C-alpha atoms as a PDB file:
ATOM      1  CA  MET A   1      17.187  -7.627 -32.702  1.00  0.00           C
ATOM      2  CA  ALA A   2      17.718  -5.683 -29.447  1.00  0.00           C
ATOM      3  CA  LEU A   3      17.211  -2.373 -31.234  1.00  0.00           C
ATOM      4  CA  GLN A   4      13.989  -3.650 -32.799  1.00  0.00           C
ATOM      5  CA  ASP A   5      12.767  -4.928 -29.419  1.00  0.00           C
ATOM      6  CA  GLN A   6      13.534  -1.588 -27.809  1.00  0.00           C
ATOM      7  CA  ALA A   7      11.732   0.259 -30.596  1.00  0.00           C
ATOM      8  CA  GLU A   8       8.645  -1.935 -30.185  1.00  0.00           C
ATOM      9  CA  PHE A   9       8.702  -1.436 -26.418  1.00  0.00           C
ATOM     10  CA  ASP A  10       9.020   2.339 -26.811  1.00  0.00           C
ATOM     11  CA  ALA A  11       6.126   2.353 -29.277  1.00  0.00           C
ATOM     12  CA  VAL A  12       3.849   0.517 -26.838  1.00  0.00           C
ATOM     13  CA  ILE A  13       4.715   2.976 -24.054  1.00  0.00           C
ATOM     14  CA  ALA A  14       4.200   5.982 -26.334  1.00  0.00           C
ATOM     15  CA  ALA A  15       0.823   4.651 -27.471  1.00  0.00           C
ATOM     16  CA  ASP A  16      -0.350   4.166 -23.860  1.00  0.00           C
ATOM     17  CA  ASP A  17      -0.799   0.444 -24.465  1.00  0.00           C
ATOM     18  CA  LYS A  18       0.132  -2.299 -22.000  1.00  0.00           C
ATOM     19  CA  ILE A  19       3.327  -4.284 -21.701  1.00  0.00           C
ATOM     20  CA  GLU A  20       2.452  -7.924 -20.986  1.00  0.00           C
ATOM     21  CA  PRO A  21       4.604 -10.635 -19.343  1.00  0.00           C
ATOM     22  CA  THR A  22       5.490 -12.302 -22.657  1.00  0.00           C
ATOM     23  CA  ASP A  23       6.607  -8.999 -24.244  1.00  0.00           C
ATOM     24  CA  TRP A  24      10.222  -7.938 -24.422  1.00  0.00           C
ATOM     25  CA  MET A  25      11.109  -5.279 -21.841  1.00  0.00           C
ATOM     26  CA  PRO A  26      14.341  -3.561 -20.768  1.00  0.00           C
ATOM     27  CA  ASP A  27      16.082  -5.011 -17.730  1.00  0.00           C
ATOM     28  CA  GLY A  28      15.650  -1.706 -15.913  1.00  0.00           C
ATOM     29  CA  TYR A  29      11.897  -1.730 -16.482  1.00  0.00           C
ATOM     30  CA  ARG A  30      11.633  -5.287 -15.163  1.00  0.00           C
ATOM     31  CA  LYS A  31      13.785  -4.537 -12.105  1.00  0.00           C
ATOM     32  CA  THR A  32      11.848  -1.359 -11.323  1.00  0.00           C
ATOM     33  CA  LEU A  33       8.546  -3.229 -11.497  1.00  0.00           C
ATOM     34  CA  ILE A  34       9.802  -6.072  -9.299  1.00  0.00           C
ATOM     35  CA  ARG A  35      10.957  -3.551  -6.700  1.00  0.00           C
ATOM     36  CA  GLN A  36       7.805  -1.433  -6.836  1.00  0.00           C
ATOM     37  CA  ILE A  37       5.225  -4.228  -7.006  1.00  0.00           C
ATOM     38  CA  GLY A  38       7.104  -6.286  -4.433  1.00  0.00           C
ATOM     39  CA  GLN A  39       7.286  -3.383  -1.988  1.00  0.00           C
ATOM     40  CA  HIS A  40       3.631  -2.602  -2.630  1.00  0.00           C
ATOM     41  CA  ALA A  41       2.751  -6.205  -1.788  1.00  0.00           C
ATOM     42  CA  HIS A  42       4.890  -6.092   1.357  1.00  0.00           C
ATOM     43  CA  SER A  43       3.048  -2.937   2.447  1.00  0.00           C
ATOM     44  CA  GLU A  44      -0.308  -4.681   2.179  1.00  0.00           C
ATOM     45  CA  ILE A  45       0.899  -7.647   4.240  1.00  0.00           C
ATOM     46  CA  ILE A  46       2.726  -5.622   6.906  1.00  0.00           C
ATOM     47  CA  GLY A  47      -0.263  -3.261   6.960  1.00  0.00           C
ATOM     48  CA  MET A  48      -2.404  -6.059   8.386  1.00  0.00           C
ATOM     49  CA  GLN A  49      -0.525  -5.819  11.686  1.00  0.00           C
ATOM     50  CA  PRO A  50      -1.570  -2.399  13.087  1.00  0.00           C
ATOM     51  CA  GLU A  51      -5.251  -3.133  12.444  1.00  0.00           C
ATOM     52  CA  GLY A  52      -5.117  -6.833  13.293  1.00  0.00           C
ATOM     53  CA  ASN A  53      -3.860  -5.725  16.684  1.00  0.00           C
ATOM     54  CA  TRP A  54      -7.362  -4.359  17.394  1.00  0.00           C
ATOM     55  CA  ILE A  55      -9.536  -7.271  16.225  1.00  0.00           C
ATOM     56  CA  SER A  56      -9.782  -8.790  19.709  1.00  0.00           C
ATOM     57  CA  ARG A  57     -10.421  -5.349  21.242  1.00  0.00           C
ATOM     58  CA  ALA A  58     -13.069  -4.004  18.853  1.00  0.00           C
ATOM     59  CA  PRO A  59     -15.905  -2.481  20.921  1.00  0.00           C
ATOM     60  CA  THR A  60     -18.788  -4.418  19.320  1.00  0.00           C
ATOM     61  CA  LEU A  61     -19.308  -7.633  17.380  1.00  0.00           C
ATOM     62  CA  HIS A  62     -20.345  -5.524  14.371  1.00  0.00           C
ATOM     63  CA  ARG A  63     -17.079  -3.563  14.421  1.00  0.00           C
ATOM     64  CA  LYS A  64     -15.102  -6.770  14.954  1.00  0.00           C
ATOM     65  CA  ALA A  65     -16.655  -8.338  11.837  1.00  0.00           C
ATOM     66  CA  ILE A  66     -15.907  -5.221   9.766  1.00  0.00           C
ATOM     67  CA  LEU A  67     -12.291  -5.148  10.913  1.00  0.00           C
ATOM     68  CA  ILE A  68     -11.748  -8.858  10.280  1.00  0.00           C
ATOM     69  CA  ALA A  69     -13.097  -8.430   6.734  1.00  0.00           C
ATOM     70  CA  LYS A  70     -10.863  -5.441   6.115  1.00  0.00           C
ATOM     71  CA  VAL A  71      -7.702  -7.156   7.341  1.00  0.00           C
ATOM     72  CA  GLN A  72      -8.594 -10.132   5.156  1.00  0.00           C
ATOM     73  CA  ASP A  73      -8.936  -7.785   2.166  1.00  0.00           C
ATOM     74  CA  GLU A  74      -5.438  -6.430   2.791  1.00  0.00           C
ATOM     75  CA  GLY A  75      -4.042  -9.959   2.771  1.00  0.00           C
ATOM     76  CA  GLY A  76      -5.806 -10.534  -0.538  1.00  0.00           C
ATOM     77  CA  HIS A  77      -4.277  -7.378  -1.975  1.00  0.00           C
ATOM     78  CA  GLY A  78      -0.842  -8.661  -1.059  1.00  0.00           C
ATOM     79  CA  LEU A  79      -1.555 -11.929  -2.866  1.00  0.00           C
ATOM     80  CA  TYR A  80      -2.761 -10.107  -6.015  1.00  0.00           C
ATOM     81  CA  LEU A  81       0.422  -8.071  -6.056  1.00  0.00           C
ATOM     82  CA  TYR A  82       2.795 -10.959  -5.357  1.00  0.00           C
ATOM     83  CA  SER A  83       1.112 -12.791  -8.233  1.00  0.00           C
ATOM     84  CA  ALA A  84       1.614  -9.769 -10.503  1.00  0.00           C
ATOM     85  CA  ALA A  85       5.297  -9.613  -9.530  1.00  0.00           C
ATOM     86  CA  GLU A  86       5.731 -13.324 -10.269  1.00  0.00           C
ATOM     87  CA  THR A  87       4.838 -12.678 -13.922  1.00  0.00           C
ATOM     88  CA  LEU A  88       8.163 -10.813 -14.111  1.00  0.00           C
ATOM     89  CA  GLY A  89      10.187 -13.937 -13.330  1.00  0.00           C
ATOM     90  CA  VAL A  90      10.686 -13.517  -9.588  1.00  0.00           C
ATOM     91  CA  THR A  91       9.332 -16.049  -7.080  1.00  0.00           C
ATOM     92  CA  ARG A  92       7.250 -15.202  -4.046  1.00  0.00           C
ATOM     93  CA  ASP A  93       9.877 -16.784  -1.814  1.00  0.00           C
ATOM     94  CA  GLN A  94      12.496 -14.427  -3.277  1.00  0.00           C
ATOM     95  CA  LEU A  95      10.283 -11.406  -2.637  1.00  0.00           C
ATOM     96  CA  VAL A  96       9.602 -12.452   0.948  1.00  0.00           C
ATOM     97  CA  ALA A  97      13.306 -13.138   1.511  1.00  0.00           C
ATOM     98  CA  ALA A  98      14.107  -9.616   0.280  1.00  0.00           C
ATOM     99  CA  LEU A  99      11.602  -8.176   2.746  1.00  0.00           C
ATOM    100  CA  HIS A 100      12.962 -10.214   5.638  1.00  0.00           C
ATOM    101  CA  ALA A 101      16.539  -9.262   4.762  1.00  0.00           C
ATOM    102  CA  GLY A 102      15.639  -5.570   4.631  1.00  0.00           C
ATOM    103  CA  SER A 103      16.605  -5.083   0.977  1.00  0.00           C
ATOM    104  CA  HIS A 104      12.935  -4.495   0.084  1.00  0.00           C
ATOM    105  CA  LYS A 105      11.061  -1.793   1.970  1.00  0.00           C
ATOM    106  CA  TYR A 106       7.381  -1.263   2.688  1.00  0.00           C
ATOM    107  CA  SER A 107       5.335   1.871   3.333  1.00  0.00           C
ATOM    108  CA  SER A 108       6.727   3.838   6.261  1.00  0.00           C
ATOM    109  CA  ILE A 109       3.196   4.492   7.591  1.00  0.00           C
ATOM    110  CA  PHE A 110       2.885   0.968   8.971  1.00  0.00           C
ATOM    111  CA  ASN A 111       5.712   1.500  11.433  1.00  0.00           C
ATOM    112  CA  TYR A 112       3.522   3.739  13.602  1.00  0.00           C
ATOM    113  CA  PRO A 113       1.495   2.285  16.514  1.00  0.00           C
ATOM    114  CA  THR A 114      -2.296   2.128  16.793  1.00  0.00           C
ATOM    115  CA  LEU A 115      -2.846   3.564  20.282  1.00  0.00           C
ATOM    116  CA  ASN A 116      -6.619   3.909  20.445  1.00  0.00           C
ATOM    117  CA  TRP A 117      -9.761   2.665  18.729  1.00  0.00           C
ATOM    118  CA  ALA A 118     -10.090   5.892  16.708  1.00  0.00           C
ATOM    119  CA  ASP A 119      -6.821   4.953  14.978  1.00  0.00           C
ATOM    120  CA  ILE A 120      -8.734   2.234  13.120  1.00  0.00           C
ATOM    121  CA  GLY A 121     -11.023   4.884  11.647  1.00  0.00           C
ATOM    122  CA  THR A 122      -8.114   7.210  10.923  1.00  0.00           C
ATOM    123  CA  ILE A 123      -6.189   4.499   9.097  1.00  0.00           C
ATOM    124  CA  GLY A 124      -9.220   3.867   6.922  1.00  0.00           C
ATOM    125  CA  TRP A 125      -9.805   7.565   6.268  1.00  0.00           C
ATOM    126  CA  LEU A 126      -6.257   8.944   5.941  1.00  0.00           C
ATOM    127  CA  VAL A 127      -4.000   5.975   5.201  1.00  0.00           C
ATOM    128  CA  ASP A 128      -6.348   4.197   2.804  1.00  0.00           C
ATOM    129  CA  GLY A 129      -7.369   7.593   1.412  1.00  0.00           C
ATOM    130  CA  ALA A 130      -3.739   8.375   0.618  1.00  0.00           C
ATOM    131  CA  ALA A 131      -3.318   4.894  -0.857  1.00  0.00           C
ATOM    132  CA  ILE A 132      -6.308   5.406  -3.157  1.00  0.00           C
ATOM    133  CA  THR A 133      -4.942   8.761  -4.336  1.00  0.00           C
ATOM    134  CA  ASN A 134      -1.746   6.999  -5.365  1.00  0.00           C
ATOM    135  CA  GLN A 135      -3.262   3.758  -6.615  1.00  0.00           C
ATOM    136  CA  VAL A 136      -5.839   5.202  -8.985  1.00  0.00           C
ATOM    137  CA  MET A 137      -2.839   6.412 -10.962  1.00  0.00           C
ATOM    138  CA  LEU A 138      -1.294   2.933 -10.786  1.00  0.00           C
ATOM    139  CA  SER A 139      -4.445   1.388 -12.284  1.00  0.00           C
ATOM    140  CA  ARG A 140      -3.245   3.055 -15.512  1.00  0.00           C
ATOM    141  CA  SER A 141       0.279   1.685 -15.187  1.00  0.00           C
ATOM    142  CA  SER A 142       1.976   0.567 -18.388  1.00  0.00           C
ATOM    143  CA  TYR A 143       2.453  -2.983 -17.055  1.00  0.00           C
ATOM    144  CA  GLY A 144      -0.719  -4.970 -17.673  1.00  0.00           C
ATOM    145  CA  PRO A 145      -0.790  -7.345 -14.661  1.00  0.00           C
ATOM    146  CA  TYR A 146      -0.035  -4.486 -12.238  1.00  0.00           C
ATOM    147  CA  SER A 147      -2.640  -2.231 -13.818  1.00  0.00           C
ATOM    148  CA  ARG A 148      -5.356  -4.877 -13.701  1.00  0.00           C
ATOM    149  CA  ALA A 149      -4.581  -5.860 -10.096  1.00  0.00           C
ATOM    150  CA  MET A 150      -4.939  -2.225  -9.075  1.00  0.00           C
ATOM    151  CA  VAL A 151      -8.456  -1.935 -10.505  1.00  0.00           C
ATOM    152  CA  ARG A 152      -9.865  -4.366  -7.964  1.00  0.00           C
ATOM    153  CA  ILE A 153      -7.626  -3.143  -5.155  1.00  0.00           C
ATOM    154  CA  CYS A 154      -8.760   0.457  -5.674  1.00  0.00           C
ATOM    155  CA  LYS A 155     -12.414  -0.560  -5.444  1.00  0.00           C
ATOM    156  CA  GLU A 156     -11.822  -2.332  -2.155  1.00  0.00           C
ATOM    157  CA  GLU A 157      -9.597   0.433  -0.747  1.00  0.00           C
ATOM    158  CA  SER A 158     -12.299   2.963  -1.591  1.00  0.00           C
ATOM    159  CA  PHE A 159     -14.724   0.953   0.514  1.00  0.00           C
ATOM    160  CA  HIS A 160     -12.173   0.824   3.340  1.00  0.00           C
ATOM    161  CA  GLN A 161     -11.776   4.589   3.202  1.00  0.00           C
ATOM    162  CA  ARG A 162     -15.519   5.122   3.524  1.00  0.00           C
ATOM    163  CA  GLN A 163     -15.707   2.595   6.360  1.00  0.00           C
ATOM    164  CA  GLY A 164     -12.972   4.405   8.278  1.00  0.00           C
ATOM    165  CA  TYR A 165     -14.615   7.775   7.762  1.00  0.00           C
ATOM    166  CA  GLU A 166     -17.964   6.383   8.917  1.00  0.00           C
ATOM    167  CA  LEU A 167     -16.320   5.107  12.115  1.00  0.00           C
ATOM    168  CA  LEU A 168     -14.944   8.593  12.805  1.00  0.00           C
ATOM    169  CA  ILE A 169     -18.332  10.182  12.122  1.00  0.00           C
ATOM    170  CA  ARG A 170     -19.850   7.969  14.805  1.00  0.00           C
ATOM    171  CA  LEU A 171     -17.090   8.821  17.277  1.00  0.00           C
ATOM    172  CA  CYS A 172     -17.314  12.556  16.570  1.00  0.00           C
ATOM    173  CA  GLU A 173     -21.079  12.421  17.068  1.00  0.00           C
ATOM    174  CA  GLY A 174     -20.561  10.647  20.390  1.00  0.00           C
ATOM    175  CA  SER A 175     -19.177  11.820  23.697  1.00  0.00           C
ATOM    176  CA  SER A 176     -16.601  14.565  24.191  1.00  0.00           C
ATOM    177  CA  GLU A 177     -14.120  11.846  25.161  1.00  0.00           C
ATOM    178  CA  GLN A 178     -14.719  10.005  21.861  1.00  0.00           C
ATOM    179  CA  LYS A 179     -14.227  13.184  19.844  1.00  0.00           C
ATOM    180  CA  ALA A 180     -11.046  13.986  21.795  1.00  0.00           C
ATOM    181  CA  MET A 181      -9.793  10.462  21.053  1.00  0.00           C
ATOM    182  CA  SER A 182     -10.458  11.083  17.351  1.00  0.00           C
ATOM    183  CA  GLN A 183      -8.571  14.386  17.434  1.00  0.00           C
ATOM    184  CA  ASP A 184      -5.624  12.728  19.158  1.00  0.00           C
ATOM    185  CA  SER A 185      -5.584  10.128  16.410  1.00  0.00           C
ATOM    186  CA  ILE A 186      -5.580  12.731  13.626  1.00  0.00           C
ATOM    187  CA  ASP A 187      -2.796  14.644  15.377  1.00  0.00           C
ATOM    188  CA  ARG A 188      -0.591  11.540  15.256  1.00  0.00           C
ATOM    189  CA  TRP A 189      -1.440  10.236  11.766  1.00  0.00           C
ATOM    190  CA  TRP A 190      -1.713  13.389   9.632  1.00  0.00           C
ATOM    191  CA  TRP A 191       1.962  13.954   8.907  1.00  0.00           C
ATOM    192  CA  PRO A 192       2.871  10.266   8.405  1.00  0.00           C
ATOM    193  CA  ALA A 193      -0.042  10.100   5.921  1.00  0.00           C
ATOM    194  CA  LEU A 194       1.490  12.967   3.921  1.00  0.00           C
ATOM    195  CA  MET A 195       4.829  11.158   3.970  1.00  0.00           C
ATOM    196  CA  MET A 196       3.185   8.150   2.278  1.00  0.00           C
ATOM    197  CA  PHE A 197       3.538   9.845  -1.102  1.00  0.00           C
ATOM    198  CA  GLY A 198       7.299   9.734  -0.813  1.00  0.00           C
ATOM    199  CA  PRO A 199       9.942  12.463  -0.944  1.00  0.00           C
ATOM    200  CA  HIS A 200       9.817  15.559  -3.098  1.00  0.00           C
ATOM    201  CA  ASP A 201      10.220  14.614  -6.752  1.00  0.00           C
ATOM    202  CA  SER A 202      13.672  16.208  -6.846  1.00  0.00           C
ATOM    203  CA  ASP A 203      14.776  13.852  -4.039  1.00  0.00           C
ATOM    204  CA  SER A 204      13.163  10.664  -5.389  1.00  0.00           C
ATOM    205  CA  THR A 205      15.592   8.120  -6.822  1.00  0.00           C
ATOM    206  CA  HIS A 206      13.136   6.338  -9.100  1.00  0.00           C
ATOM    207  CA  SER A 207      10.418   8.876  -9.980  1.00  0.00           C
ATOM    208  CA  ALA A 208      11.816  10.188 -13.262  1.00  0.00           C
ATOM    209  CA  GLU A 209      12.458   6.733 -14.706  1.00  0.00           C
ATOM    210  CA  SER A 210       9.116   5.336 -13.537  1.00  0.00           C
ATOM    211  CA  THR A 211       7.316   8.318 -15.037  1.00  0.00           C
ATOM    212  CA  ALA A 212       9.125   7.973 -18.365  1.00  0.00           C
ATOM    213  CA  TRP A 213       8.070   4.316 -18.533  1.00  0.00           C
ATOM    214  CA  LYS A 214       4.522   5.277 -17.439  1.00  0.00           C
ATOM    215  CA  ILE A 215       4.679   2.922 -14.491  1.00  0.00           C
ATOM    216  CA  LYS A 216       3.564   5.960 -12.514  1.00  0.00           C
ATOM    217  CA  ARG A 217       1.649   8.847 -14.034  1.00  0.00           C
ATOM    218  CA  VAL A 218       1.609  11.650 -11.467  1.00  0.00           C
ATOM    219  CA  SER A 219       4.410  13.128  -9.358  1.00  0.00           C
ATOM    220  CA  ASN A 220       4.705  12.580  -5.610  1.00  0.00           C
ATOM    221  CA  ASP A 221       4.105  16.250  -4.864  1.00  0.00           C
ATOM    222  CA  ASP A 222       1.039  16.506  -7.111  1.00  0.00           C
ATOM    223  CA  LEU A 223      -0.477  13.403  -5.499  1.00  0.00           C
ATOM    224  CA  ARG A 224       0.181  14.833  -2.045  1.00  0.00           C
ATOM    225  CA  GLN A 225      -1.560  18.065  -3.026  1.00  0.00           C
ATOM    226  CA  GLN A 226      -4.565  16.142  -4.359  1.00  0.00           C
ATOM    227  CA  PHE A 227      -4.836  14.316  -1.060  1.00  0.00           C
ATOM    228  CA  VAL A 228      -4.664  17.480   1.055  1.00  0.00           C
ATOM    229  CA  ASP A 229      -7.253  19.256  -1.100  1.00  0.00           C
ATOM    230  CA  ALA A 230      -9.678  16.332  -0.803  1.00  0.00           C
ATOM    231  CA  THR A 231      -9.124  15.644   2.888  1.00  0.00           C
ATOM    232  CA  VAL A 232      -9.289  19.062   4.557  1.00  0.00           C
ATOM    233  CA  PRO A 233     -13.029  19.568   3.832  1.00  0.00           C
ATOM    234  CA  GLN A 234     -13.700  16.084   5.221  1.00  0.00           C
ATOM    235  CA  ALA A 235     -11.919  17.016   8.456  1.00  0.00           C
ATOM    236  CA  ASP A 236     -14.013  20.203   8.637  1.00  0.00           C
ATOM    237  CA  TYR A 237     -17.189  18.111   8.371  1.00  0.00           C
ATOM    238  CA  LEU A 238     -16.021  15.953  11.268  1.00  0.00           C
ATOM    239  CA  GLY A 239     -15.234  19.035  13.314  1.00  0.00           C
ATOM    240  CA  LEU A 240     -11.623  17.902  13.651  1.00  0.00           C
ATOM    241  CA  HIS A 241      -8.557  20.125  13.396  1.00  0.00           C
ATOM    242  CA  ILE A 242      -5.723  19.355  10.979  1.00  0.00           C
ATOM    243  CA  PRO A 243      -2.495  19.694  13.039  1.00  0.00           C
ATOM    244  CA  ASP A 244      -0.811  22.170  10.678  1.00  0.00           C
ATOM    245  CA  PRO A 245      -0.668  25.859  11.609  1.00  0.00           C
ATOM    246  CA  ASP A 246       0.401  26.719   8.049  1.00  0.00           C
ATOM    247  CA  LEU A 247      -2.632  25.092   6.425  1.00  0.00           C
ATOM    248  CA  VAL A 248      -4.593  27.717   4.480  1.00  0.00           C
ATOM    249  CA  TRP A 249      -6.632  27.898   1.282  1.00  0.00           C
ATOM    250  CA  ASN A 250      -4.712  29.682  -1.481  1.00  0.00           C
ATOM    251  CA  GLU A 251      -7.280  31.350  -3.732  1.00  0.00           C
ATOM    252  CA  GLU A 252      -4.734  32.169  -6.397  1.00  0.00           C
ATOM    253  CA  ARG A 253      -3.475  28.591  -6.697  1.00  0.00           C
ATOM    254  CA  GLY A 254      -6.844  26.987  -6.101  1.00  0.00           C
ATOM    255  CA  HIS A 255      -5.218  24.615  -3.602  1.00  0.00           C
ATOM    256  CA  TYR A 256      -4.432  24.411   0.087  1.00  0.00           C
ATOM    257  CA  ASP A 257      -0.991  25.546   1.172  1.00  0.00           C
ATOM    258  CA  PHE A 258       0.436  23.350   3.921  1.00  0.00           C
ATOM    259  CA  GLY A 259       3.472  23.347   6.169  1.00  0.00           C
ATOM    260  CA  PRO A 260       6.840  21.624   5.735  1.00  0.00           C
ATOM    261  CA  ILE A 261       7.114  17.880   6.255  1.00  0.00           C
ATOM    262  CA  ASP A 262       9.687  16.538   8.700  1.00  0.00           C
ATOM    263  CA  TRP A 263      11.778  14.668   6.158  1.00  0.00           C
ATOM    264  CA  GLU A 264      14.318  13.685   8.805  1.00  0.00           C
ATOM    265  CA  GLU A 265      11.597  11.635  10.493  1.00  0.00           C
ATOM    266  CA  PHE A 266      10.585  10.130   7.139  1.00  0.00           C
ATOM    267  CA  TRP A 267      14.089   8.984   6.266  1.00  0.00           C
ATOM    268  CA  GLN A 268      14.702   7.642   9.763  1.00  0.00           C
ATOM    269  CA  VAL A 269      11.596   5.458   9.465  1.00  0.00           C
ATOM    270  CA  VAL A 270      12.544   4.339   5.939  1.00  0.00           C
ATOM    271  CA  LYS A 271      16.007   3.375   7.211  1.00  0.00           C
ATOM    272  CA  GLY A 272      14.485   1.161   9.890  1.00  0.00           C
ATOM    273  CA  ASN A 273      14.510   3.507  12.866  1.00  0.00           C
ATOM    274  CA  GLY A 274      10.788   4.171  13.187  1.00  0.00           C
ATOM    275  CA  PRO A 275       8.684   3.466  16.296  1.00  0.00           C
ATOM    276  CA  LEU A 276       7.876  -0.149  15.335  1.00  0.00           C
ATOM    277  CA  ASN A 277      10.148  -1.096  12.420  1.00  0.00           C
ATOM    278  CA  ARG A 278      11.841  -3.924  14.269  1.00  0.00           C
ATOM    279  CA  GLU A 279       8.638  -5.239  15.811  1.00  0.00           C
ATOM    280  CA  ARG A 280       6.813  -5.293  12.466  1.00  0.00           C
ATOM    281  CA  LEU A 281       9.569  -7.264  10.712  1.00  0.00           C
ATOM    282  CA  ASP A 282      10.158  -9.578  13.676  1.00  0.00           C
ATOM    283  CA  HIS A 283       6.450 -10.419  13.721  1.00  0.00           C
ATOM    284  CA  LYS A 284       6.460 -11.038   9.958  1.00  0.00           C
ATOM    285  CA  ARG A 285       9.528 -13.283  10.109  1.00  0.00           C
ATOM    286  CA  ALA A 286       8.043 -15.260  13.000  1.00  0.00           C
ATOM    287  CA  ALA A 287       4.766 -15.749  11.116  1.00  0.00           C
ATOM    288  CA  TRP A 288       6.709 -16.971   8.073  1.00  0.00           C
ATOM    289  CA  ASP A 289       8.715 -19.437  10.143  1.00  0.00           C
ATOM    290  CA  ASP A 290       5.655 -20.661  12.065  1.00  0.00           C
ATOM    291  CA  GLY A 291       3.800 -21.252   8.797  1.00  0.00           C
ATOM    292  CA  ALA A 292       6.572 -23.275   7.165  1.00  0.00           C
ATOM    293  CA  TRP A 293       4.790 -26.575   7.900  1.00  0.00           C
ATOM    294  CA  VAL A 294       1.674 -25.344   6.077  1.00  0.00           C
ATOM    295  CA  ARG A 295       3.668 -24.472   2.952  1.00  0.00           C
ATOM    296  CA  GLU A 296       5.514 -27.769   3.100  1.00  0.00           C
ATOM    297  CA  ALA A 297       2.261 -29.700   3.499  1.00  0.00           C
ATOM    298  CA  ALA A 298       0.713 -27.843   0.556  1.00  0.00           C
ATOM    299  CA  VAL A 299       3.701 -28.669  -1.673  1.00  0.00           C
ATOM    300  CA  ALA A 300       3.650 -32.326  -0.590  1.00  0.00           C
ATOM    301  CA  HIS A 301      -0.076 -32.549  -1.307  1.00  0.00           C
ATOM    302  CA  ALA A 302       0.354 -30.956  -4.735  1.00  0.00           C
ATOM    303  CA  GLU A 303       3.169 -33.365  -5.588  1.00  0.00           C
ATOM    304  CA  LYS A 304       1.065 -36.334  -4.449  1.00  0.00           C
ATOM    305  CA  GLN A 305      -1.878 -35.189  -6.569  1.00  0.00           C
ATOM    306  CA  ALA A 306       0.371 -34.695  -9.584  1.00  0.00           C
ATOM    307  CA  ALA A 307       1.826 -38.195  -9.144  1.00  0.00           C
ATOM    308  CA  ARG A 308      -1.647 -39.716  -8.947  1.00  0.00           C
ATOM    309  CA  GLU A 309      -2.771 -37.909 -12.092  1.00  0.00           C
ATOM    310  CA  PHE A 310       0.391 -39.035 -13.921  1.00  0.00           C
ATOM    311  CA  GLU A 311      -0.157 -42.630 -12.841  1.00  0.00           C
ATOM    312  CA  SER A 312      -3.818 -42.489 -13.849  1.00  0.00           C
ATOM    313  CA  ARG A 313      -2.940 -41.246 -17.321  1.00  0.00           C
ATOM    314  CA  ARG A 314      -0.136 -43.815 -17.669  1.00  0.00           C
ATOM    315  CA  THR A 315      -2.384 -46.752 -16.893  1.00  0.00           C
ATOM    316  CA  ALA A 316      -5.437 -45.503 -18.787  1.00  0.00           C
END
């Protein structure tokens, strides 16, 4: 039976069809999805913190409303993804416990501080732009619930990217101080944004397996190149300088060449030694603990409703 199940699974993958929650799947495929979807969900939730930090300091009511809506969207993305992970037999509490214990990671980009208002635009433009580059591929993932969740998430992230770019346009059209603030922001976020795509494929633990199962469709390095090629002309339009002295258009390749990434910094952040790793997780744990009464009340209410419905049916 196991051989037949494996053959049917392999046939679905080869045909570019979707694996659904009720289908048989190898343990490795299930574990890889739980890790990847769970860590993707964690990234959305942790990613609310650097932007949420600016809601009370947004310069106008209009910008405050935009930022509140965006942070709310990110929370929704986390819920979509936790729900997708739950179809694999893991509970949300287990996923959150793995995050709090440090056994599940989240995107290294969210361990950097937002130091000025331009950072909110830069996160939308670069960070969400990098996320879209990666997530469009994931909308074609072989696992149905993950693929379908990504369709909506990509649409919303695309809007976030445009919103961030529009904010930077306004700043770069403003005073010299506002444009300098924008340049400072790009100088700090450019390299962490490139690190978002993960290590070189040869150094990635899970890439080969995920690609074979069609969970992911494009290599880390190819995605990074796509992002650079799309982003450099946008920076030129803003009149901002990409902080890479090696950045140059390569006519022969038809792509931009760019300088080496500081992988030591990347791995230090991944290992928990980034600028705000501890603060981000401490804040998340505290929010979870502070919200325990809400979860308990929701469970108690659901149990009460279920008991009433049972009693109503029993006496009908």
